[in-house]
Amino acid sequence: MVRTLQNALTQGRVPHALIFSGVRGTGKTTLARIMAKALNCEQGPAAEPCNTCQSCRQITDGASLDLQEVDGASNRGIQEIRELKEKIRFMPTSSRYKIIIIDEVHMLTTEAFNALLKTLEEPPSHVYFMFATTELHKVPVTILSRCQRYELKRLSPPELSAHFKRLAEEEGVQVEPEALDMIVREAGGSVRDGLSLLDQIFSYCGPEIKAIDVIDVLGLVSHQLIANMGAALLAGDLATVYTLLDQIYLHGTDIKRFSNDLLSWFRSLIVCKVSKKPSDLLEVTEDELDVLAKIAATCSLETLSAIFNLLLENLEKVSFSQQPRLALELTFIRAVQFRDVVPVS
């Protein structure tokens, strides 16, 4: 996507309406600002804005008169769009182009979208529109057909890990590799989510971050505890299951989070069982992968899929139960009875 945008800038083929979509915290609005910089850079339009000219500095400081950022959630009516259309009739004051960035564009009303249609179809040569949205399906097709679409993907765990590690070093904070893995996993491919978590953990831990601190701050269940619970269910050891469940309750863990982590653990086992390269599909460390592979080798796929199916159906009900602990215990009693499942066929 970056390559396409850079080539468009160098070849002078930048469309007058762009729409960036994707999950939260992947850089949609940031990308729109960088494009605005590149288009108005005094050395350009260039593939890389210089960041030193007056136009670049004004955009960095949020003081550019020719870059207007509109919050689609707050300015969603037809009146705001009419005012916007009135403003873009005038030429830019000091920059090359007038650039309008509308964030969360899917929040605009139907009337506001209709008011934009003609302008997007035949925009003035001095105006560029850039839209950002987390919910592309809510944007009318008539708008989408007039824009070039760019979809931002979630960031991969190695990219997030490297980014957070560099930030921690710049802040003079030492982070245990296991603690960093937990933060990356919780971020779920979103840079902003990860940065919020990292900031919270920096405040709690000070100059050194350990895995146990991350578990405390984020209310996570230890991965070892999840693995022990899964192994006990597979071994049919109900006594250990009850002991571990008691630990989880004493720790004050959110049952929904625990359920999701346990389901993810069983999914990882199934992936290890059926995939030749499980590391490509799982976000786990090498040590965890070795343990999962060893456990998966001792179980049949039928047994794993039967337990996985049982947990998936029943753990959903636990969240809505009047007695969540009892519902969880009953689910585990059923799960330990799945031993060496033989397919009916």
C-alpha atoms as a PDB file:
ATOM      1  CA  MET A   1       0.000   0.000   0.000  1.00  0.00           C
ATOM      2  CA  VAL A   2       2.828   2.400   0.888  1.00  0.00           C
ATOM      3  CA  ARG A   3       4.518   1.570  -2.431  1.00  0.00           C
ATOM      4  CA  THR A   4       1.299   2.372  -4.360  1.00  0.00           C
ATOM      5  CA  LEU A   5       0.937   5.730  -2.599  1.00  0.00           C
ATOM      6  CA  GLN A   6       4.621   6.634  -3.083  1.00  0.00           C
ATOM      7  CA  ASN A   7       4.446   5.778  -6.805  1.00  0.00           C
ATOM      8  CA  ALA A   8       1.239   7.818  -7.142  1.00  0.00           C
ATOM      9  CA  LEU A   9       3.049  10.827  -5.595  1.00  0.00           C
ATOM     10  CA  THR A  10       6.152  10.567  -7.808  1.00  0.00           C
ATOM     11  CA  GLN A  11       4.078   9.984 -10.974  1.00  0.00           C
ATOM     12  CA  GLY A  12       1.526  12.706 -10.154  1.00  0.00           C
ATOM     13  CA  ARG A  13      -1.354  10.195 -10.129  1.00  0.00           C
ATOM     14  CA  VAL A  14      -2.768  10.786  -6.634  1.00  0.00           C
ATOM     15  CA  PRO A  15      -6.590  10.496  -6.753  1.00  0.00           C
ATOM     16  CA  HIS A  16      -8.604  13.401  -5.324  1.00  0.00           C
ATOM     17  CA  ALA A  17     -10.458  11.075  -2.930  1.00  0.00           C
ATOM     18  CA  LEU A  18      -8.834   8.341  -0.815  1.00  0.00           C
ATOM     19  CA  ILE A  19     -10.437   6.121   1.823  1.00  0.00           C
ATOM     20  CA  PHE A  20      -8.356   4.272   4.438  1.00  0.00           C
ATOM     21  CA  SER A  21     -10.061   1.450   6.319  1.00  0.00           C
ATOM     22  CA  GLY A  22      -9.043  -1.181   8.855  1.00  0.00           C
ATOM     23  CA  VAL A  23      -9.169  -2.028  12.555  1.00  0.00           C
ATOM     24  CA  ARG A  24      -8.475   0.575  15.235  1.00  0.00           C
ATOM     25  CA  GLY A  25      -4.931   1.705  15.925  1.00  0.00           C
ATOM     26  CA  THR A  26      -3.320   0.650  12.633  1.00  0.00           C
ATOM     27  CA  GLY A  27      -2.456   4.168  11.418  1.00  0.00           C
ATOM     28  CA  LYS A  28      -5.310   5.292   9.128  1.00  0.00           C
ATOM     29  CA  THR A  29      -5.431   8.943  10.240  1.00  0.00           C
ATOM     30  CA  THR A  30      -1.631   9.047  10.563  1.00  0.00           C
ATOM     31  CA  LEU A  31      -1.299   7.820   6.973  1.00  0.00           C
ATOM     32  CA  ALA A  32      -3.735  10.506   5.788  1.00  0.00           C
ATOM     33  CA  ARG A  33      -1.626  13.186   7.547  1.00  0.00           C
ATOM     34  CA  ILE A  34       1.595  11.828   5.986  1.00  0.00           C
ATOM     35  CA  MET A  35      -0.104  11.955   2.546  1.00  0.00           C
ATOM     36  CA  ALA A  36      -1.153  15.558   3.266  1.00  0.00           C
ATOM     37  CA  LYS A  37       2.465  16.386   4.148  1.00  0.00           C
ATOM     38  CA  ALA A  38       3.792  14.689   1.003  1.00  0.00           C
ATOM     39  CA  LEU A  39       1.321  16.535  -1.271  1.00  0.00           C
ATOM     40  CA  ASN A  40       2.032  19.962   0.238  1.00  0.00           C
ATOM     41  CA  CYS A  41       5.788  19.526   0.869  1.00  0.00           C
ATOM     42  CA  GLU A  42       7.770  22.422  -0.648  1.00  0.00           C
ATOM     43  CA  GLN A  43      10.276  19.886  -2.068  1.00  0.00           C
ATOM     44  CA  GLY A  44       7.473  17.850  -3.669  1.00  0.00           C
ATOM     45  CA  PRO A  45       4.919  16.448  -4.105  1.00  0.00           C
ATOM     46  CA  ALA A  46       7.450  13.842  -2.933  1.00  0.00           C
ATOM     47  CA  ALA A  47       7.363  10.167  -1.950  1.00  0.00           C
ATOM     48  CA  GLU A  48       8.921  11.183   1.395  1.00  0.00           C
ATOM     49  CA  PRO A  49       7.957  14.540   2.971  1.00  0.00           C
ATOM     50  CA  CYS A  50      11.052  16.491   4.078  1.00  0.00           C
ATOM     51  CA  ASN A  51       9.623  17.396   7.546  1.00  0.00           C
ATOM     52  CA  THR A  52      11.732  20.581   7.557  1.00  0.00           C
ATOM     53  CA  CYS A  53       9.912  22.983   5.210  1.00  0.00           C
ATOM     54  CA  GLN A  54       7.285  25.421   6.536  1.00  0.00           C
ATOM     55  CA  SER A  55       4.322  23.360   5.233  1.00  0.00           C
ATOM     56  CA  CYS A  56       5.581  20.105   6.836  1.00  0.00           C
ATOM     57  CA  ARG A  57       6.276  21.846  10.155  1.00  0.00           C
ATOM     58  CA  GLN A  58       2.826  23.473  10.199  1.00  0.00           C
ATOM     59  CA  ILE A  59       1.129  20.093   9.618  1.00  0.00           C
ATOM     60  CA  THR A  60       3.267  18.492  12.362  1.00  0.00           C
ATOM     61  CA  ASP A  61       2.276  21.281  14.780  1.00  0.00           C
ATOM     62  CA  GLY A  62      -1.395  21.065  13.735  1.00  0.00           C
ATOM     63  CA  ALA A  63      -1.302  24.706  12.625  1.00  0.00           C
ATOM     64  CA  SER A  64      -1.788  24.366   8.859  1.00  0.00           C
ATOM     65  CA  LEU A  65      -4.693  26.451   7.527  1.00  0.00           C
ATOM     66  CA  ASP A  66      -4.970  24.304   4.408  1.00  0.00           C
ATOM     67  CA  LEU A  67      -5.313  20.973   6.223  1.00  0.00           C
ATOM     68  CA  GLN A  68      -8.712  20.554   7.805  1.00  0.00           C
ATOM     69  CA  GLU A  69      -9.396  17.536   9.993  1.00  0.00           C
ATOM     70  CA  VAL A  70     -13.076  16.815  10.560  1.00  0.00           C
ATOM     71  CA  ASP A  71     -14.386  14.386  13.151  1.00  0.00           C
ATOM     72  CA  GLY A  72     -17.167  12.501  11.347  1.00  0.00           C
ATOM     73  CA  ALA A  73     -18.780  11.469  14.641  1.00  0.00           C
ATOM     74  CA  SER A  74     -19.269  15.068  15.853  1.00  0.00           C
ATOM     75  CA  ASN A  75     -19.868  16.779  12.492  1.00  0.00           C
ATOM     76  CA  ARG A  76     -22.150  14.265  10.841  1.00  0.00           C
ATOM     77  CA  GLY A  77     -25.030  16.406   9.567  1.00  0.00           C
ATOM     78  CA  ILE A  78     -25.775  17.963   6.194  1.00  0.00           C
ATOM     79  CA  GLN A  79     -25.188  21.505   7.533  1.00  0.00           C
ATOM     80  CA  GLU A  80     -21.544  20.751   8.443  1.00  0.00           C
ATOM     81  CA  ILE A  81     -20.913  19.246   4.983  1.00  0.00           C
ATOM     82  CA  ARG A  82     -22.482  22.312   3.301  1.00  0.00           C
ATOM     83  CA  GLU A  83     -20.121  24.558   5.302  1.00  0.00           C
ATOM     84  CA  LEU A  84     -17.207  22.348   4.279  1.00  0.00           C
ATOM     85  CA  LYS A  85     -18.188  22.598   0.588  1.00  0.00           C
ATOM     86  CA  GLU A  86     -18.422  26.369   0.944  1.00  0.00           C
ATOM     87  CA  LYS A  87     -14.870  26.560   2.339  1.00  0.00           C
ATOM     88  CA  ILE A  88     -13.254  24.410  -0.363  1.00  0.00           C
ATOM     89  CA  ARG A  89     -14.378  26.833  -3.080  1.00  0.00           C
ATOM     90  CA  PHE A  90     -11.550  29.144  -1.977  1.00  0.00           C
ATOM     91  CA  MET A  91      -7.958  28.545  -3.037  1.00  0.00           C
ATOM     92  CA  PRO A  92      -5.365  27.394  -0.444  1.00  0.00           C
ATOM     93  CA  THR A  93      -3.791  30.201   1.609  1.00  0.00           C
ATOM     94  CA  SER A  94      -0.116  29.168   1.742  1.00  0.00           C
ATOM     95  CA  SER A  95       0.122  25.529   0.586  1.00  0.00           C
ATOM     96  CA  ARG A  96      -0.164  23.823  -2.795  1.00  0.00           C
ATOM     97  CA  TYR A  97      -3.466  22.052  -2.023  1.00  0.00           C
ATOM     98  CA  LYS A  98      -6.377  22.220   0.386  1.00  0.00           C
ATOM     99  CA  ILE A  99      -6.709  18.814   2.103  1.00  0.00           C
ATOM    100  CA  ILE A 100      -9.794  17.607   3.973  1.00  0.00           C
ATOM    101  CA  ILE A 101      -9.408  14.611   6.305  1.00  0.00           C
ATOM    102  CA  ILE A 102     -12.705  13.172   7.605  1.00  0.00           C
ATOM    103  CA  ASP A 103     -12.138  10.704  10.428  1.00  0.00           C
ATOM    104  CA  GLU A 104     -14.749   7.991  11.187  1.00  0.00           C
ATOM    105  CA  VAL A 105     -16.495   8.909   7.934  1.00  0.00           C
ATOM    106  CA  HIS A 106     -19.030   6.077   8.350  1.00  0.00           C
ATOM    107  CA  MET A 107     -20.740   8.168  11.077  1.00  0.00           C
ATOM    108  CA  LEU A 108     -22.017  10.760   8.563  1.00  0.00           C
ATOM    109  CA  THR A 109     -25.775  10.804   7.917  1.00  0.00           C
ATOM    110  CA  THR A 110     -27.244   9.669   4.582  1.00  0.00           C
ATOM    111  CA  GLU A 111     -28.055  13.306   3.700  1.00  0.00           C
ATOM    112  CA  ALA A 112     -24.452  14.365   4.451  1.00  0.00           C
ATOM    113  CA  PHE A 113     -23.097  11.587   2.207  1.00  0.00           C
ATOM    114  CA  ASN A 114     -25.467  12.649  -0.586  1.00  0.00           C
ATOM    115  CA  ALA A 115     -24.255  16.239  -0.233  1.00  0.00           C
ATOM    116  CA  LEU A 116     -20.668  15.021  -0.736  1.00  0.00           C
ATOM    117  CA  LEU A 117     -21.379  12.934  -3.852  1.00  0.00           C
ATOM    118  CA  LYS A 118     -21.118  15.597  -6.553  1.00  0.00           C
ATOM    119  CA  THR A 119     -18.055  17.198  -4.981  1.00  0.00           C
ATOM    120  CA  LEU A 120     -16.258  13.831  -4.869  1.00  0.00           C
ATOM    121  CA  GLU A 121     -17.178  13.103  -8.484  1.00  0.00           C
ATOM    122  CA  GLU A 122     -15.889  16.442  -9.806  1.00  0.00           C
ATOM    123  CA  PRO A 123     -13.599  17.855  -7.093  1.00  0.00           C
ATOM    124  CA  PRO A 124     -11.840  21.203  -7.590  1.00  0.00           C
ATOM    125  CA  SER A 125      -8.234  20.657  -8.754  1.00  0.00           C
ATOM    126  CA  HIS A 126      -6.844  22.282  -5.562  1.00  0.00           C
ATOM    127  CA  VAL A 127      -8.697  19.952  -3.138  1.00  0.00           C
ATOM    128  CA  TYR A 128      -7.944  16.418  -1.887  1.00  0.00           C
ATOM    129  CA  PHE A 129     -10.305  14.372   0.296  1.00  0.00           C
ATOM    130  CA  MET A 130      -9.019  11.654   2.621  1.00  0.00           C
ATOM    131  CA  PHE A 131     -11.412   9.512   4.649  1.00  0.00           C
ATOM    132  CA  ALA A 132     -10.644   7.114   7.503  1.00  0.00           C
ATOM    133  CA  THR A 133     -13.054   4.501   8.828  1.00  0.00           C
ATOM    134  CA  THR A 134     -13.105   1.364  10.965  1.00  0.00           C
ATOM    135  CA  GLU A 135     -16.411   0.212   9.426  1.00  0.00           C
ATOM    136  CA  LEU A 136     -16.124   0.323   5.645  1.00  0.00           C
ATOM    137  CA  HIS A 137     -19.387  -1.614   5.164  1.00  0.00           C
ATOM    138  CA  LYS A 138     -21.327   1.369   6.572  1.00  0.00           C
ATOM    139  CA  VAL A 139     -20.049   3.740   3.876  1.00  0.00           C
ATOM    140  CA  PRO A 140     -22.496   3.970   0.912  1.00  0.00           C
ATOM    141  CA  VAL A 141     -21.383   2.285  -2.314  1.00  0.00           C
ATOM    142  CA  THR A 142     -21.913   5.560  -4.181  1.00  0.00           C
ATOM    143  CA  ILE A 143     -19.152   7.132  -2.027  1.00  0.00           C
ATOM    144  CA  LEU A 144     -16.829   4.101  -2.274  1.00  0.00           C
ATOM    145  CA  SER A 145     -17.044   4.054  -6.074  1.00  0.00           C
ATOM    146  CA  ARG A 146     -15.691   7.626  -6.163  1.00  0.00           C
ATOM    147  CA  CYS A 147     -12.693   6.885  -3.906  1.00  0.00           C
ATOM    148  CA  GLN A 148      -9.532   4.816  -4.142  1.00  0.00           C
ATOM    149  CA  ARG A 149      -9.666   2.276  -1.311  1.00  0.00           C
ATOM    150  CA  TYR A 150      -6.753   1.247   0.908  1.00  0.00           C
ATOM    151  CA  GLU A 151      -7.260  -1.358   3.611  1.00  0.00           C
ATOM    152  CA  LEU A 152      -4.791  -1.460   6.497  1.00  0.00           C
ATOM    153  CA  LYS A 153      -4.124  -4.860   8.016  1.00  0.00           C
ATOM    154  CA  ARG A 154      -3.403  -5.687  11.653  1.00  0.00           C
ATOM    155  CA  LEU A 155       0.298  -5.553  12.464  1.00  0.00           C
ATOM    156  CA  SER A 156       2.075  -8.883  12.885  1.00  0.00           C
ATOM    157  CA  PRO A 157       3.377  -9.841  16.375  1.00  0.00           C
ATOM    158  CA  PRO A 158       7.093  -9.559  15.363  1.00  0.00           C
ATOM    159  CA  GLU A 159       6.533  -5.990  14.046  1.00  0.00           C
ATOM    160  CA  LEU A 160       4.665  -4.927  17.186  1.00  0.00           C
ATOM    161  CA  SER A 161       7.245  -6.585  19.422  1.00  0.00           C
ATOM    162  CA  ALA A 162      10.146  -4.785  17.711  1.00  0.00           C
ATOM    163  CA  HIS A 163       8.282  -1.447  17.892  1.00  0.00           C
ATOM    164  CA  PHE A 164       7.413  -1.774  21.603  1.00  0.00           C
ATOM    165  CA  LYS A 165      10.932  -2.984  22.434  1.00  0.00           C
ATOM    166  CA  ARG A 166      12.450   0.084  20.757  1.00  0.00           C
ATOM    167  CA  LEU A 167      10.060   2.410  22.610  1.00  0.00           C
ATOM    168  CA  ALA A 168      10.898   0.748  25.944  1.00  0.00           C
ATOM    169  CA  GLU A 169      14.643   1.192  25.270  1.00  0.00           C
ATOM    170  CA  GLU A 170      14.091   4.886  24.430  1.00  0.00           C
ATOM    171  CA  GLU A 171      12.229   5.286  27.744  1.00  0.00           C
ATOM    172  CA  GLY A 172      15.048   3.485  29.595  1.00  0.00           C
ATOM    173  CA  VAL A 173      12.799   0.577  30.616  1.00  0.00           C
ATOM    174  CA  GLN A 174      13.856  -3.091  30.616  1.00  0.00           C
ATOM    175  CA  VAL A 175      11.127  -5.517  29.511  1.00  0.00           C
ATOM    176  CA  GLU A 176      11.251  -9.282  29.974  1.00  0.00           C
ATOM    177  CA  PRO A 177      10.679 -11.109  26.644  1.00  0.00           C
ATOM    178  CA  GLU A 178       7.724 -13.010  28.162  1.00  0.00           C
ATOM    179  CA  ALA A 179       6.166  -9.738  29.375  1.00  0.00           C
ATOM    180  CA  LEU A 180       6.593  -8.216  25.900  1.00  0.00           C
ATOM    181  CA  ASP A 181       4.903 -11.253  24.322  1.00  0.00           C
ATOM    182  CA  MET A 182       1.907 -10.776  26.645  1.00  0.00           C
ATOM    183  CA  ILE A 183       1.556  -7.085  25.748  1.00  0.00           C
ATOM    184  CA  VAL A 184       1.781  -7.881  22.010  1.00  0.00           C
ATOM    185  CA  ARG A 185      -0.846 -10.620  22.381  1.00  0.00           C
ATOM    186  CA  GLU A 186      -3.209  -8.258  24.238  1.00  0.00           C
ATOM    187  CA  ALA A 187      -2.707  -5.511  21.620  1.00  0.00           C
ATOM    188  CA  GLY A 188      -4.278  -7.804  18.991  1.00  0.00           C
ATOM    189  CA  GLY A 189      -2.467  -6.217  16.034  1.00  0.00           C
ATOM    190  CA  SER A 190      -3.349  -2.628  17.045  1.00  0.00           C
ATOM    191  CA  VAL A 191      -0.446  -0.245  17.701  1.00  0.00           C
ATOM    192  CA  ARG A 192      -2.555   2.217  19.693  1.00  0.00           C
ATOM    193  CA  ASP A 193      -4.010  -0.478  21.971  1.00  0.00           C
ATOM    194  CA  GLY A 194      -0.489  -1.750  22.620  1.00  0.00           C
ATOM    195  CA  LEU A 195       0.822   1.749  23.393  1.00  0.00           C
ATOM    196  CA  SER A 196      -2.001   2.341  25.906  1.00  0.00           C
ATOM    197  CA  LEU A 197      -1.156  -0.943  27.660  1.00  0.00           C
ATOM    198  CA  LEU A 198       2.572  -0.184  27.573  1.00  0.00           C
ATOM    199  CA  ASP A 199       2.016   3.264  29.121  1.00  0.00           C
ATOM    200  CA  GLN A 200      -0.132   1.752  31.893  1.00  0.00           C
ATOM    201  CA  ILE A 201       2.525  -0.894  32.636  1.00  0.00           C
ATOM    202  CA  PHE A 202       5.358   1.702  32.608  1.00  0.00           C
ATOM    203  CA  SER A 203       3.461   3.669  35.275  1.00  0.00           C
ATOM    204  CA  TYR A 204       3.014   0.557  37.440  1.00  0.00           C
ATOM    205  CA  CYS A 205       6.403  -1.110  37.093  1.00  0.00           C
ATOM    206  CA  GLY A 206       8.972   1.652  36.788  1.00  0.00           C
ATOM    207  CA  PRO A 207      12.327   0.844  35.126  1.00  0.00           C
ATOM    208  CA  GLU A 208      11.901  -2.953  34.978  1.00  0.00           C
ATOM    209  CA  ILE A 209       8.890  -4.904  33.685  1.00  0.00           C
ATOM    210  CA  LYS A 210       8.426  -8.563  34.580  1.00  0.00           C
ATOM    211  CA  ALA A 211       5.816 -11.012  33.277  1.00  0.00           C
ATOM    212  CA  ILE A 212       4.201 -11.348  36.724  1.00  0.00           C
ATOM    213  CA  ASP A 213       3.651  -7.539  36.802  1.00  0.00           C
ATOM    214  CA  VAL A 214       1.917  -7.615  33.394  1.00  0.00           C
ATOM    215  CA  ILE A 215      -0.368 -10.421  34.642  1.00  0.00           C
ATOM    216  CA  ASP A 216      -1.246  -8.293  37.703  1.00  0.00           C
ATOM    217  CA  VAL A 217      -1.866  -5.033  35.824  1.00  0.00           C
ATOM    218  CA  LEU A 218      -3.887  -6.465  32.931  1.00  0.00           C
ATOM    219  CA  GLY A 219      -5.740  -9.087  34.991  1.00  0.00           C
ATOM    220  CA  LEU A 220      -4.458 -11.877  32.753  1.00  0.00           C
ATOM    221  CA  VAL A 221      -4.433 -15.558  33.572  1.00  0.00           C
ATOM    222  CA  SER A 222      -0.931 -17.024  33.576  1.00  0.00           C
ATOM    223  CA  HIS A 223      -0.339 -19.031  30.385  1.00  0.00           C
ATOM    224  CA  GLN A 224       1.116 -21.765  32.567  1.00  0.00           C
ATOM    225  CA  LEU A 225      -2.138 -21.962  34.516  1.00  0.00           C
ATOM    226  CA  ILE A 226      -4.126 -22.269  31.262  1.00  0.00           C
ATOM    227  CA  ALA A 227      -1.758 -24.983  30.013  1.00  0.00           C
ATOM    228  CA  ASN A 228      -2.069 -26.883  33.325  1.00  0.00           C
ATOM    229  CA  MET A 229      -5.879 -26.651  33.148  1.00  0.00           C
ATOM    230  CA  GLY A 230      -5.922 -27.926  29.552  1.00  0.00           C
ATOM    231  CA  ALA A 231      -3.547 -30.794  30.373  1.00  0.00           C
ATOM    232  CA  ALA A 232      -5.682 -31.782  33.401  1.00  0.00           C
ATOM    233  CA  LEU A 233      -8.843 -31.846  31.244  1.00  0.00           C
ATOM    234  CA  LEU A 234      -7.127 -34.053  28.657  1.00  0.00           C
ATOM    235  CA  ALA A 235      -5.792 -36.369  31.384  1.00  0.00           C
ATOM    236  CA  GLY A 236      -9.269 -36.644  32.971  1.00  0.00           C
ATOM    237  CA  ASP A 237      -7.847 -35.369  36.288  1.00  0.00           C
ATOM    238  CA  LEU A 238     -10.895 -33.654  37.813  1.00  0.00           C
ATOM    239  CA  ALA A 239      -9.217 -33.101  41.201  1.00  0.00           C
ATOM    240  CA  THR A 240      -6.495 -30.935  39.586  1.00  0.00           C
ATOM    241  CA  VAL A 241      -9.141 -29.107  37.537  1.00  0.00           C
ATOM    242  CA  TYR A 242     -10.986 -28.114  40.737  1.00  0.00           C
ATOM    243  CA  THR A 243      -7.730 -26.996  42.438  1.00  0.00           C
ATOM    244  CA  LEU A 244      -6.759 -24.815  39.454  1.00  0.00           C
ATOM    245  CA  LEU A 245     -10.263 -23.380  39.174  1.00  0.00           C
ATOM    246  CA  ASP A 246     -10.075 -22.384  42.843  1.00  0.00           C
ATOM    247  CA  GLN A 247      -6.758 -20.584  42.167  1.00  0.00           C
ATOM    248  CA  ILE A 248      -8.335 -18.713  39.255  1.00  0.00           C
ATOM    249  CA  TYR A 249     -11.262 -17.559  41.402  1.00  0.00           C
ATOM    250  CA  LEU A 250      -8.972 -16.499  44.281  1.00  0.00           C
ATOM    251  CA  HIS A 251      -6.936 -14.486  41.758  1.00  0.00           C
ATOM    252  CA  GLY A 252     -10.135 -12.603  40.822  1.00  0.00           C
ATOM    253  CA  THR A 253      -9.783 -13.398  37.128  1.00  0.00           C
ATOM    254  CA  ASP A 254     -12.507 -12.438  34.664  1.00  0.00           C
ATOM    255  CA  ILE A 255     -14.211 -15.722  33.703  1.00  0.00           C
ATOM    256  CA  LYS A 256     -14.861 -14.580  30.124  1.00  0.00           C
ATOM    257  CA  ARG A 257     -11.156 -13.866  29.615  1.00  0.00           C
ATOM    258  CA  PHE A 258     -10.223 -17.216  31.156  1.00  0.00           C
ATOM    259  CA  SER A 259     -12.729 -19.018  28.882  1.00  0.00           C
ATOM    260  CA  ASN A 260     -11.336 -17.303  25.771  1.00  0.00           C
ATOM    261  CA  ASP A 261      -7.745 -18.154  26.755  1.00  0.00           C
ATOM    262  CA  LEU A 262      -8.660 -21.813  27.344  1.00  0.00           C
ATOM    263  CA  LEU A 263     -10.426 -22.022  23.965  1.00  0.00           C
ATOM    264  CA  SER A 264      -7.368 -20.440  22.295  1.00  0.00           C
ATOM    265  CA  TRP A 265      -5.146 -23.063  23.970  1.00  0.00           C
ATOM    266  CA  PHE A 266      -7.264 -25.941  22.608  1.00  0.00           C
ATOM    267  CA  ARG A 267      -7.324 -24.305  19.179  1.00  0.00           C
ATOM    268  CA  SER A 268      -3.513 -24.130  19.310  1.00  0.00           C
ATOM    269  CA  LEU A 269      -3.420 -27.875  20.074  1.00  0.00           C
ATOM    270  CA  ILE A 270      -5.603 -28.630  17.041  1.00  0.00           C
ATOM    271  CA  VAL A 271      -3.421 -26.406  14.828  1.00  0.00           C
ATOM    272  CA  CYS A 272      -0.311 -28.271  16.072  1.00  0.00           C
ATOM    273  CA  LYS A 273      -2.071 -31.548  15.284  1.00  0.00           C
ATOM    274  CA  VAL A 274      -3.095 -30.723  11.706  1.00  0.00           C
ATOM    275  CA  SER A 275      -0.510 -28.194  10.466  1.00  0.00           C
ATOM    276  CA  LYS A 276       2.999 -28.928   9.234  1.00  0.00           C
ATOM    277  CA  LYS A 277       4.084 -25.372  10.141  1.00  0.00           C
ATOM    278  CA  PRO A 278       2.053 -24.395  13.240  1.00  0.00           C
ATOM    279  CA  SER A 279       4.386 -21.457  13.976  1.00  0.00           C
ATOM    280  CA  ASP A 280       2.932 -19.636  10.923  1.00  0.00           C
ATOM    281  CA  LEU A 281      -0.595 -19.834  12.367  1.00  0.00           C
ATOM    282  CA  LEU A 282       0.035 -19.346  16.092  1.00  0.00           C
ATOM    283  CA  GLU A 283       1.266 -16.348  18.074  1.00  0.00           C
ATOM    284  CA  VAL A 284       3.263 -18.288  20.686  1.00  0.00           C
ATOM    285  CA  THR A 285       6.901 -18.537  21.741  1.00  0.00           C
ATOM    286  CA  GLU A 286       9.166 -21.426  20.687  1.00  0.00           C
ATOM    287  CA  ASP A 287       9.013 -23.017  24.162  1.00  0.00           C
ATOM    288  CA  GLU A 288       5.204 -22.877  24.241  1.00  0.00           C
ATOM    289  CA  LEU A 289       5.070 -24.369  20.742  1.00  0.00           C
ATOM    290  CA  ASP A 290       7.248 -27.330  21.805  1.00  0.00           C
ATOM    291  CA  VAL A 291       4.978 -28.035  24.796  1.00  0.00           C
ATOM    292  CA  LEU A 292       1.835 -27.796  22.644  1.00  0.00           C
ATOM    293  CA  ALA A 293       3.300 -30.112  19.996  1.00  0.00           C
ATOM    294  CA  LYS A 294       4.158 -32.756  22.639  1.00  0.00           C
ATOM    295  CA  ILE A 295       0.638 -32.655  24.155  1.00  0.00           C
ATOM    296  CA  ALA A 296      -1.011 -32.721  20.695  1.00  0.00           C
ATOM    297  CA  ALA A 297       0.988 -35.828  19.773  1.00  0.00           C
ATOM    298  CA  THR A 298      -0.572 -37.772  22.696  1.00  0.00           C
ATOM    299  CA  CYS A 299      -4.229 -37.041  21.686  1.00  0.00           C
ATOM    300  CA  SER A 300      -6.348 -37.990  18.714  1.00  0.00           C
ATOM    301  CA  LEU A 301      -7.888 -35.239  16.585  1.00  0.00           C
ATOM    302  CA  GLU A 302     -11.365 -36.632  17.400  1.00  0.00           C
ATOM    303  CA  THR A 303     -10.765 -36.224  21.164  1.00  0.00           C
ATOM    304  CA  LEU A 304      -9.417 -32.676  20.753  1.00  0.00           C
ATOM    305  CA  SER A 305     -12.234 -31.552  18.456  1.00  0.00           C
ATOM    306  CA  ALA A 306     -14.887 -33.125  20.768  1.00  0.00           C
ATOM    307  CA  ILE A 307     -13.551 -31.233  23.830  1.00  0.00           C
ATOM    308  CA  PHE A 308     -13.099 -28.044  21.788  1.00  0.00           C
ATOM    309  CA  ASN A 309     -16.700 -28.262  20.563  1.00  0.00           C
ATOM    310  CA  LEU A 310     -18.029 -28.924  24.088  1.00  0.00           C
ATOM    311  CA  LEU A 311     -16.114 -25.955  25.553  1.00  0.00           C
ATOM    312  CA  LEU A 312     -17.143 -23.655  22.695  1.00  0.00           C
ATOM    313  CA  GLU A 313     -20.836 -24.442  23.211  1.00  0.00           C
ATOM    314  CA  ASN A 314     -20.864 -24.353  27.026  1.00  0.00           C
ATOM    315  CA  LEU A 315     -18.393 -21.589  27.920  1.00  0.00           C
ATOM    316  CA  GLU A 316     -20.621 -19.152  26.003  1.00  0.00           C
ATOM    317  CA  LYS A 317     -23.448 -20.018  28.436  1.00  0.00           C
ATOM    318  CA  VAL A 318     -21.213 -19.490  31.501  1.00  0.00           C
ATOM    319  CA  SER A 319     -21.142 -15.705  30.881  1.00  0.00           C
ATOM    320  CA  PHE A 320     -24.961 -15.502  31.155  1.00  0.00           C
ATOM    321  CA  SER A 321     -25.408 -17.986  33.996  1.00  0.00           C
ATOM    322  CA  GLN A 322     -26.686 -16.948  37.441  1.00  0.00           C
ATOM    323  CA  GLN A 323     -24.039 -19.304  38.904  1.00  0.00           C
ATOM    324  CA  PRO A 324     -21.052 -18.989  36.533  1.00  0.00           C
ATOM    325  CA  ARG A 325     -18.711 -21.087  38.694  1.00  0.00           C
ATOM    326  CA  LEU A 326     -21.147 -24.005  38.887  1.00  0.00           C
ATOM    327  CA  ALA A 327     -21.786 -23.819  35.135  1.00  0.00           C
ATOM    328  CA  LEU A 328     -18.016 -23.872  34.557  1.00  0.00           C
ATOM    329  CA  GLU A 329     -17.530 -26.868  36.860  1.00  0.00           C
ATOM    330  CA  LEU A 330     -20.317 -28.789  35.082  1.00  0.00           C
ATOM    331  CA  THR A 331     -18.693 -28.036  31.706  1.00  0.00           C
ATOM    332  CA  PHE A 332     -15.366 -29.400  32.973  1.00  0.00           C
ATOM    333  CA  ILE A 333     -17.033 -32.535  34.432  1.00  0.00           C
ATOM    334  CA  ARG A 334     -18.414 -33.234  30.949  1.00  0.00           C
ATOM    335  CA  ALA A 335     -15.091 -32.412  29.291  1.00  0.00           C
ATOM    336  CA  VAL A 336     -13.049 -34.931  31.344  1.00  0.00           C
ATOM    337  CA  GLN A 337     -15.384 -37.700  30.173  1.00  0.00           C
ATOM    338  CA  PHE A 338     -14.134 -37.285  26.586  1.00  0.00           C
ATOM    339  CA  ARG A 339     -11.335 -39.862  26.578  1.00  0.00           C
ATOM    340  CA  ASP A 340     -10.101 -41.525  23.382  1.00  0.00           C
ATOM    341  CA  VAL A 341     -13.101 -40.583  21.269  1.00  0.00           C
ATOM    342  CA  VAL A 342     -13.741 -43.011  18.399  1.00  0.00           C
ATOM    343  CA  PRO A 343     -15.559 -41.644  15.323  1.00  0.00           C
ATOM    344  CA  VAL A 344     -18.937 -43.339  14.701  1.00  0.00           C
ATOM    345  CA  SER A 345     -18.071 -44.044  11.060  1.00  0.00           C
END
